[in-house]
Amino acid sequence: MKKMIIVAMTKNRVIGLKNNLPWHISEDLKLFKRMTTGNTIIMGKNTYNSIGKPLPHRTNIVISSQMISNKKIHVFKSLTKAIEFADNLQNDIFFIGGAKLYESAIQYADYLSISWIKENFTGDLLFPEINLNEWKIIKETDYRDFIHIIYKKN
C-alpha cells in the first residue's frame, strides 16, 4: 500500500487561489481521477469544501474538528487517526490537499505525484518547501500543459 501526496503546482509552488485551483487542466483532472479511483483520499476541510461533495468510487476522509462523519465521508480530528483508519482499508492512500495537510502528510508519504504546471499562475496557497534531493524520479510524463513526475522517497 502506497502513501502518496498528489498535487498540481507551478514552479513557484502555487497550488491554490481563494480555495480553488487557479487553472482548469482537463488532462490533469483525468489523471487525478485515474490515480485515485478505487483508493482512499485524505483531505483537509477547505479542500473538501472547495470540491463540494465526496468524490465517487473513493473512500473520502476529511481532517476537521468541526465536521462529522456520515455515510459518504469519514471525519477525523487528526491526520494520525485518519491514517490509522485508512491503513486498515488495504488500498493506496492519496493526500490530496490543501497546503496545511500537505505539510503534515509529507512525513508519512512514500511517493509524490506532482503535476508541474508549465504556465505560471498567481495564487495565495503554496505547496510546502521540500528537498527534492530526498526523492528519486521513478516516472516522468510530458503533457501539453504540465509535466507529471512520480517521485519515491530515498
N, C-alpha and C. Protein backbone atom coordinates (compact mmCIF):
# COMPACT_ATOMS: atom_id res chain seq x y z
N MET A 1 0.83 -1.19 0.00
CA MET A 1 0.00 0.00 0.00
C MET A 1 0.87 1.25 0.00
N LYS A 2 0.62 2.09 -0.96
CA LYS A 2 1.39 3.32 -1.07
C LYS A 2 0.70 4.43 -0.29
N LYS A 3 1.51 5.36 0.18
CA LYS A 3 1.02 6.63 0.73
C LYS A 3 1.62 7.71 -0.16
N MET A 4 0.75 8.42 -0.87
CA MET A 4 1.22 9.34 -1.90
C MET A 4 0.58 10.71 -1.77
N ILE A 5 1.41 11.72 -1.83
CA ILE A 5 0.91 13.09 -1.97
C ILE A 5 0.66 13.30 -3.46
N ILE A 6 -0.52 13.79 -3.80
CA ILE A 6 -0.84 14.10 -5.19
C ILE A 6 -1.19 15.57 -5.27
N VAL A 7 -0.50 16.29 -6.16
CA VAL A 7 -0.66 17.74 -6.22
C VAL A 7 -0.33 18.25 -7.62
N ALA A 8 -1.01 19.31 -8.01
CA ALA A 8 -0.64 20.06 -9.21
C ALA A 8 -0.15 21.41 -8.71
N MET A 9 1.01 21.85 -9.22
CA MET A 9 1.54 23.14 -8.79
C MET A 9 2.43 23.75 -9.86
N THR A 10 2.63 25.04 -9.72
CA THR A 10 3.53 25.75 -10.61
C THR A 10 4.97 25.58 -10.11
N LYS A 11 5.90 26.06 -10.91
CA LYS A 11 7.31 26.03 -10.49
C LYS A 11 7.53 26.84 -9.22
N ASN A 12 6.67 27.83 -8.99
CA ASN A 12 6.75 28.67 -7.78
C ASN A 12 5.97 28.07 -6.61
N ARG A 13 5.51 26.84 -6.73
CA ARG A 13 4.80 26.09 -5.69
C ARG A 13 3.35 26.56 -5.46
N VAL A 14 2.77 27.33 -6.37
CA VAL A 14 1.38 27.77 -6.24
C VAL A 14 0.47 26.56 -6.43
N ILE A 15 -0.46 26.36 -5.48
CA ILE A 15 -1.43 25.27 -5.58
C ILE A 15 -2.87 25.75 -5.52
N GLY A 16 -3.10 26.99 -5.11
CA GLY A 16 -4.47 27.45 -4.99
C GLY A 16 -4.61 28.95 -4.98
N LEU A 17 -5.84 29.38 -5.26
CA LEU A 17 -6.21 30.79 -5.21
C LEU A 17 -7.64 30.87 -4.70
N LYS A 18 -7.82 31.50 -3.54
CA LYS A 18 -9.15 31.65 -2.94
C LYS A 18 -9.87 30.30 -2.82
N ASN A 19 -9.14 29.30 -2.35
CA ASN A 19 -9.66 27.96 -2.09
C ASN A 19 -10.12 27.22 -3.36
N ASN A 20 -9.52 27.56 -4.49
CA ASN A 20 -9.79 26.86 -5.76
C ASN A 20 -8.49 26.70 -6.52
N LEU A 21 -8.51 25.84 -7.53
CA LEU A 21 -7.35 25.74 -8.42
C LEU A 21 -7.32 26.98 -9.30
N PRO A 22 -6.15 27.59 -9.50
CA PRO A 22 -6.06 28.78 -10.35
C PRO A 22 -6.14 28.43 -11.85
N TRP A 23 -6.24 27.16 -12.19
CA TRP A 23 -6.26 26.72 -13.58
C TRP A 23 -7.31 25.63 -13.72
N HIS A 24 -7.66 25.33 -14.96
CA HIS A 24 -8.51 24.17 -15.25
C HIS A 24 -7.83 23.40 -16.37
N ILE A 25 -7.21 22.29 -16.01
CA ILE A 25 -6.50 21.47 -16.99
C ILE A 25 -7.15 20.09 -16.98
N SER A 26 -7.98 19.86 -17.96
CA SER A 26 -8.78 18.63 -18.04
C SER A 26 -7.92 17.37 -17.95
N GLU A 27 -6.80 17.37 -18.66
CA GLU A 27 -5.92 16.20 -18.66
C GLU A 27 -5.38 15.88 -17.26
N ASP A 28 -5.09 16.90 -16.49
CA ASP A 28 -4.60 16.68 -15.13
C ASP A 28 -5.72 16.16 -14.23
N LEU A 29 -6.92 16.69 -14.40
CA LEU A 29 -8.07 16.20 -13.62
C LEU A 29 -8.36 14.73 -13.93
N LYS A 30 -8.23 14.35 -15.20
CA LYS A 30 -8.43 12.95 -15.58
C LYS A 30 -7.35 12.05 -14.97
N LEU A 31 -6.12 12.55 -14.96
CA LEU A 31 -5.02 11.80 -14.35
C LEU A 31 -5.29 11.61 -12.85
N PHE A 32 -5.71 12.67 -12.17
CA PHE A 32 -6.06 12.60 -10.75
C PHE A 32 -7.14 11.54 -10.53
N LYS A 33 -8.18 11.57 -11.34
CA LYS A 33 -9.27 10.61 -11.20
C LYS A 33 -8.78 9.19 -11.41
N ARG A 34 -7.99 8.98 -12.47
CA ARG A 34 -7.45 7.65 -12.78
C ARG A 34 -6.61 7.11 -11.63
N MET A 35 -5.78 7.96 -11.04
CA MET A 35 -4.87 7.51 -9.99
C MET A 35 -5.60 7.24 -8.67
N THR A 36 -6.60 8.04 -8.35
CA THR A 36 -7.23 7.95 -7.02
C THR A 36 -8.45 7.05 -6.95
N THR A 37 -9.10 6.79 -8.08
CA THR A 37 -10.31 5.96 -8.07
C THR A 37 -10.00 4.57 -7.53
N GLY A 38 -10.87 4.11 -6.63
CA GLY A 38 -10.69 2.81 -6.01
C GLY A 38 -9.78 2.83 -4.80
N ASN A 39 -9.30 4.01 -4.44
CA ASN A 39 -8.37 4.15 -3.32
C ASN A 39 -8.94 5.08 -2.26
N THR A 40 -8.12 5.44 -1.31
CA THR A 40 -8.52 6.33 -0.22
C THR A 40 -7.90 7.69 -0.44
N ILE A 41 -8.72 8.73 -0.27
CA ILE A 41 -8.21 10.10 -0.36
C ILE A 41 -8.38 10.78 0.99
N ILE A 42 -7.35 11.50 1.40
CA ILE A 42 -7.39 12.25 2.66
C ILE A 42 -7.19 13.71 2.32
N MET A 43 -8.09 14.55 2.86
CA MET A 43 -8.03 15.98 2.54
C MET A 43 -8.39 16.80 3.77
N GLY A 44 -8.00 18.06 3.73
CA GLY A 44 -8.41 19.00 4.76
C GLY A 44 -9.82 19.49 4.50
N LYS A 45 -10.39 20.16 5.48
CA LYS A 45 -11.76 20.66 5.40
C LYS A 45 -11.93 21.66 4.25
N ASN A 46 -10.98 22.57 4.07
CA ASN A 46 -11.10 23.55 2.99
C ASN A 46 -11.08 22.90 1.61
N THR A 47 -10.25 21.88 1.45
CA THR A 47 -10.23 21.16 0.18
C THR A 47 -11.56 20.47 -0.06
N TYR A 48 -12.09 19.82 0.98
CA TYR A 48 -13.39 19.18 0.85
C TYR A 48 -14.46 20.21 0.47
N ASN A 49 -14.46 21.34 1.14
CA ASN A 49 -15.45 22.38 0.85
C ASN A 49 -15.31 22.93 -0.57
N SER A 50 -14.06 23.03 -1.06
CA SER A 50 -13.87 23.55 -2.43
C SER A 50 -14.35 22.54 -3.47
N ILE A 51 -14.22 21.24 -3.17
CA ILE A 51 -14.74 20.20 -4.08
C ILE A 51 -16.27 20.18 -4.00
N GLY A 52 -16.78 20.34 -2.78
CA GLY A 52 -18.22 20.48 -2.58
C GLY A 52 -19.00 19.20 -2.36
N LYS A 53 -18.34 18.06 -2.51
CA LYS A 53 -19.02 16.78 -2.32
C LYS A 53 -17.97 15.67 -2.23
N PRO A 54 -18.35 14.52 -1.70
CA PRO A 54 -17.40 13.39 -1.71
C PRO A 54 -17.11 12.96 -3.14
N LEU A 55 -15.88 12.59 -3.41
CA LEU A 55 -15.53 12.11 -4.74
C LEU A 55 -15.95 10.64 -4.88
N PRO A 56 -16.64 10.30 -5.97
CA PRO A 56 -17.17 8.94 -6.12
C PRO A 56 -16.08 7.89 -6.30
N HIS A 57 -16.42 6.67 -5.89
CA HIS A 57 -15.56 5.49 -6.07
C HIS A 57 -14.23 5.61 -5.34
N ARG A 58 -14.24 6.37 -4.25
CA ARG A 58 -13.07 6.52 -3.39
C ARG A 58 -13.56 6.60 -1.95
N THR A 59 -12.73 6.15 -1.02
CA THR A 59 -13.03 6.38 0.39
C THR A 59 -12.56 7.79 0.70
N ASN A 60 -13.50 8.66 1.10
CA ASN A 60 -13.22 10.07 1.37
C ASN A 60 -13.01 10.28 2.86
N ILE A 61 -11.84 10.79 3.22
CA ILE A 61 -11.53 11.11 4.61
C ILE A 61 -11.21 12.60 4.69
N VAL A 62 -11.83 13.26 5.67
CA VAL A 62 -11.63 14.70 5.86
C VAL A 62 -11.06 14.93 7.25
N ILE A 63 -10.05 15.77 7.35
CA ILE A 63 -9.49 16.17 8.64
C ILE A 63 -10.19 17.46 9.05
N SER A 64 -10.92 17.39 10.17
CA SER A 64 -11.67 18.56 10.63
C SER A 64 -12.06 18.38 12.08
N SER A 65 -12.04 19.46 12.82
CA SER A 65 -12.52 19.39 14.21
C SER A 65 -13.99 19.79 14.29
N GLN A 66 -14.56 20.33 13.19
CA GLN A 66 -15.96 20.77 13.23
C GLN A 66 -16.92 19.83 12.51
N MET A 67 -16.47 19.19 11.44
CA MET A 67 -17.36 18.34 10.65
C MET A 67 -17.60 17.01 11.35
N ILE A 68 -18.66 16.32 10.94
CA ILE A 68 -18.92 14.98 11.48
C ILE A 68 -19.05 13.97 10.34
N SER A 69 -18.73 12.73 10.63
CA SER A 69 -18.80 11.67 9.63
C SER A 69 -20.24 11.42 9.22
N ASN A 70 -20.41 10.94 7.99
CA ASN A 70 -21.71 10.48 7.52
C ASN A 70 -21.47 9.27 6.62
N LYS A 71 -22.47 8.84 5.87
CA LYS A 71 -22.32 7.64 5.04
C LYS A 71 -21.27 7.80 3.96
N LYS A 72 -20.99 9.03 3.54
CA LYS A 72 -20.10 9.24 2.40
C LYS A 72 -18.70 9.75 2.77
N ILE A 73 -18.54 10.30 3.96
CA ILE A 73 -17.21 10.78 4.37
C ILE A 73 -16.91 10.35 5.80
N HIS A 74 -15.64 10.06 6.02
CA HIS A 74 -15.14 9.74 7.36
C HIS A 74 -14.37 10.97 7.82
N VAL A 75 -14.70 11.46 9.00
CA VAL A 75 -14.05 12.67 9.52
C VAL A 75 -13.22 12.31 10.74
N PHE A 76 -12.00 12.82 10.77
CA PHE A 76 -11.11 12.62 11.90
C PHE A 76 -10.53 13.96 12.31
N LYS A 77 -10.27 14.10 13.59
CA LYS A 77 -9.70 15.35 14.11
C LYS A 77 -8.20 15.43 13.86
N SER A 78 -7.55 14.27 13.65
CA SER A 78 -6.10 14.29 13.46
C SER A 78 -5.71 13.43 12.25
N LEU A 79 -4.61 13.81 11.63
CA LEU A 79 -4.10 13.07 10.49
C LEU A 79 -3.66 11.67 10.90
N THR A 80 -3.07 11.53 12.08
CA THR A 80 -2.61 10.20 12.50
C THR A 80 -3.79 9.23 12.66
N LYS A 81 -4.90 9.69 13.21
CA LYS A 81 -6.09 8.84 13.35
C LYS A 81 -6.64 8.48 11.97
N ALA A 82 -6.64 9.44 11.06
CA ALA A 82 -7.12 9.19 9.70
C ALA A 82 -6.26 8.14 9.00
N ILE A 83 -4.95 8.23 9.17
CA ILE A 83 -4.04 7.27 8.54
C ILE A 83 -4.22 5.89 9.15
N GLU A 84 -4.38 5.81 10.46
CA GLU A 84 -4.64 4.51 11.12
C GLU A 84 -5.87 3.85 10.51
N PHE A 85 -6.95 4.62 10.36
CA PHE A 85 -8.18 4.12 9.76
C PHE A 85 -7.93 3.69 8.32
N ALA A 86 -7.27 4.52 7.54
CA ALA A 86 -7.02 4.25 6.13
C ALA A 86 -6.13 3.03 5.93
N ASP A 87 -5.15 2.85 6.81
CA ASP A 87 -4.26 1.68 6.70
C ASP A 87 -5.05 0.37 6.75
N ASN A 88 -6.12 0.35 7.52
CA ASN A 88 -6.93 -0.86 7.66
C ASN A 88 -7.75 -1.17 6.41
N LEU A 89 -7.87 -0.22 5.50
CA LEU A 89 -8.67 -0.42 4.29
C LEU A 89 -7.91 -1.18 3.21
N GLN A 90 -6.61 -1.31 3.37
CA GLN A 90 -5.78 -2.11 2.47
C GLN A 90 -5.77 -1.61 1.02
N ASN A 91 -5.82 -0.29 0.82
CA ASN A 91 -5.60 0.24 -0.53
C ASN A 91 -4.70 1.46 -0.44
N ASP A 92 -4.33 2.00 -1.58
CA ASP A 92 -3.42 3.14 -1.58
C ASP A 92 -4.09 4.37 -0.98
N ILE A 93 -3.26 5.18 -0.33
CA ILE A 93 -3.74 6.41 0.32
C ILE A 93 -3.15 7.59 -0.43
N PHE A 94 -4.03 8.52 -0.82
CA PHE A 94 -3.61 9.75 -1.50
C PHE A 94 -3.95 10.94 -0.62
N PHE A 95 -2.95 11.75 -0.33
CA PHE A 95 -3.16 13.01 0.38
C PHE A 95 -3.39 14.06 -0.71
N ILE A 96 -4.60 14.67 -0.73
CA ILE A 96 -4.97 15.49 -1.88
C ILE A 96 -5.03 16.99 -1.58
N GLY A 97 -4.65 17.40 -0.38
CA GLY A 97 -4.59 18.84 -0.09
C GLY A 97 -5.43 19.22 1.09
N GLY A 98 -5.34 20.42 1.46
CA GLY A 98 -4.59 21.54 0.94
C GLY A 98 -3.21 21.69 1.56
N ALA A 99 -2.77 22.94 1.58
CA ALA A 99 -1.40 23.27 1.96
C ALA A 99 -1.05 22.75 3.35
N LYS A 100 -1.94 22.95 4.32
CA LYS A 100 -1.66 22.50 5.70
C LYS A 100 -1.57 20.99 5.77
N LEU A 101 -2.47 20.31 5.05
CA LEU A 101 -2.45 18.85 5.05
C LEU A 101 -1.17 18.34 4.41
N TYR A 102 -0.77 18.94 3.29
CA TYR A 102 0.48 18.52 2.64
C TYR A 102 1.65 18.66 3.61
N GLU A 103 1.68 19.76 4.32
CA GLU A 103 2.79 19.99 5.25
C GLU A 103 2.85 18.90 6.33
N SER A 104 1.70 18.50 6.83
CA SER A 104 1.64 17.44 7.85
C SER A 104 1.89 16.06 7.25
N ALA A 105 1.42 15.83 6.03
CA ALA A 105 1.45 14.49 5.44
C ALA A 105 2.81 14.12 4.85
N ILE A 106 3.65 15.10 4.57
CA ILE A 106 4.92 14.82 3.88
C ILE A 106 5.75 13.77 4.63
N GLN A 107 5.66 13.77 5.96
CA GLN A 107 6.44 12.81 6.74
C GLN A 107 5.93 11.37 6.58
N TYR A 108 4.69 11.21 6.17
CA TYR A 108 4.10 9.87 6.02
C TYR A 108 4.18 9.35 4.59
N ALA A 109 4.41 10.24 3.64
CA ALA A 109 4.34 9.87 2.22
C ALA A 109 5.57 9.10 1.78
N ASP A 110 5.33 8.04 0.99
CA ASP A 110 6.40 7.28 0.35
C ASP A 110 6.64 7.79 -1.07
N TYR A 111 5.60 8.43 -1.62
CA TYR A 111 5.64 8.89 -3.00
C TYR A 111 5.07 10.30 -3.11
N LEU A 112 5.52 11.01 -4.14
CA LEU A 112 4.94 12.29 -4.53
C LEU A 112 4.49 12.15 -5.98
N SER A 113 3.29 12.58 -6.26
CA SER A 113 2.79 12.66 -7.63
C SER A 113 2.58 14.13 -7.89
N ILE A 114 3.49 14.73 -8.65
CA ILE A 114 3.42 16.17 -8.88
C ILE A 114 3.19 16.45 -10.36
N SER A 115 2.12 17.18 -10.62
CA SER A 115 1.88 17.71 -11.96
C SER A 115 2.45 19.13 -11.95
N TRP A 116 3.59 19.29 -12.60
CA TRP A 116 4.25 20.59 -12.66
C TRP A 116 3.60 21.38 -13.79
N ILE A 117 2.79 22.37 -13.44
CA ILE A 117 2.08 23.18 -14.41
C ILE A 117 3.10 24.04 -15.16
N LYS A 118 3.04 24.03 -16.48
CA LYS A 118 4.04 24.74 -17.29
C LYS A 118 3.85 26.26 -17.25
N GLU A 119 2.61 26.70 -17.20
CA GLU A 119 2.33 28.14 -17.18
C GLU A 119 2.45 28.64 -15.74
N ASN A 120 2.84 29.89 -15.57
CA ASN A 120 2.88 30.48 -14.23
C ASN A 120 1.52 31.07 -13.88
N PHE A 121 1.06 30.80 -12.69
CA PHE A 121 -0.18 31.35 -12.17
C PHE A 121 0.11 32.00 -10.83
N THR A 122 -0.67 33.01 -10.49
CA THR A 122 -0.54 33.58 -9.15
C THR A 122 -1.55 32.87 -8.25
N GLY A 123 -1.23 32.85 -6.97
CA GLY A 123 -2.12 32.20 -6.02
C GLY A 123 -1.81 32.62 -4.62
N ASP A 124 -2.66 32.20 -3.69
CA ASP A 124 -2.45 32.53 -2.28
C ASP A 124 -2.14 31.30 -1.43
N LEU A 125 -2.08 30.13 -2.06
CA LEU A 125 -1.70 28.91 -1.35
C LEU A 125 -0.51 28.27 -2.04
N LEU A 126 0.49 27.92 -1.24
CA LEU A 126 1.71 27.33 -1.77
C LEU A 126 1.92 25.93 -1.19
N PHE A 127 2.49 25.07 -2.01
CA PHE A 127 2.92 23.76 -1.52
C PHE A 127 4.12 24.00 -0.61
N PRO A 128 4.24 23.26 0.49
CA PRO A 128 5.38 23.48 1.38
C PRO A 128 6.71 23.21 0.68
N GLU A 129 7.74 23.89 1.13
CA GLU A 129 9.06 23.65 0.57
C GLU A 129 9.52 22.25 0.94
N ILE A 130 10.02 21.54 -0.07
CA ILE A 130 10.57 20.20 0.18
C ILE A 130 11.90 20.10 -0.55
N ASN A 131 12.73 19.21 -0.07
CA ASN A 131 14.02 18.96 -0.70
C ASN A 131 13.86 17.79 -1.66
N LEU A 132 13.77 18.07 -2.94
CA LEU A 132 13.58 17.00 -3.92
C LEU A 132 14.79 16.08 -4.05
N ASN A 133 15.92 16.47 -3.45
CA ASN A 133 17.09 15.57 -3.43
C ASN A 133 16.83 14.35 -2.55
N GLU A 134 15.81 14.43 -1.69
CA GLU A 134 15.46 13.30 -0.83
C GLU A 134 14.51 12.33 -1.55
N TRP A 135 14.20 12.62 -2.80
CA TRP A 135 13.26 11.83 -3.59
C TRP A 135 13.91 11.48 -4.92
N LYS A 136 13.58 10.30 -5.47
CA LYS A 136 14.11 9.96 -6.78
C LYS A 136 12.95 9.83 -7.77
N ILE A 137 13.18 10.30 -8.98
CA ILE A 137 12.16 10.23 -10.02
C ILE A 137 12.04 8.80 -10.49
N ILE A 138 10.79 8.28 -10.47
CA ILE A 138 10.58 6.92 -10.97
C ILE A 138 9.76 6.91 -12.26
N LYS A 139 9.05 8.01 -12.53
CA LYS A 139 8.29 8.09 -13.78
C LYS A 139 8.06 9.56 -14.13
N GLU A 140 8.23 9.87 -15.41
CA GLU A 140 8.03 11.24 -15.87
C GLU A 140 7.28 11.20 -17.20
N THR A 141 6.18 11.96 -17.26
CA THR A 141 5.37 12.03 -18.47
C THR A 141 5.11 13.48 -18.81
N ASP A 142 5.39 13.85 -20.07
CA ASP A 142 5.22 15.23 -20.52
C ASP A 142 3.87 15.36 -21.22
N TYR A 143 3.01 16.20 -20.66
CA TYR A 143 1.71 16.52 -21.25
C TYR A 143 1.79 17.92 -21.85
N ARG A 144 0.75 18.34 -22.54
CA ARG A 144 0.76 19.65 -23.18
C ARG A 144 0.93 20.78 -22.17
N ASP A 145 0.17 20.72 -21.05
CA ASP A 145 0.15 21.83 -20.09
C ASP A 145 0.91 21.58 -18.79
N PHE A 146 1.42 20.37 -18.62
CA PHE A 146 2.12 20.04 -17.39
C PHE A 146 3.04 18.85 -17.61
N ILE A 147 3.98 18.70 -16.71
CA ILE A 147 4.85 17.52 -16.67
C ILE A 147 4.50 16.77 -15.40
N HIS A 148 4.11 15.51 -15.55
CA HIS A 148 3.75 14.71 -14.38
C HIS A 148 4.96 13.86 -13.98
N ILE A 149 5.36 14.02 -12.73
CA ILE A 149 6.51 13.26 -12.22
C ILE A 149 6.09 12.53 -10.94
N ILE A 150 6.41 11.26 -10.90
CA ILE A 150 6.23 10.49 -9.67
C ILE A 150 7.60 10.29 -9.05
N TYR A 151 7.70 10.69 -7.79
CA TYR A 151 8.94 10.57 -7.01
C TYR A 151 8.75 9.51 -5.94
N LYS A 152 9.81 8.80 -5.61
CA LYS A 152 9.81 7.85 -4.50
C LYS A 152 10.82 8.34 -3.48
N LYS A 153 10.43 8.26 -2.20
CA LYS A 153 11.34 8.71 -1.14
C LYS A 153 12.59 7.84 -1.15
N ASN A 154 13.76 8.49 -1.04
CA ASN A 154 15.04 7.75 -1.00
C ASN A 154 15.15 6.94 0.26
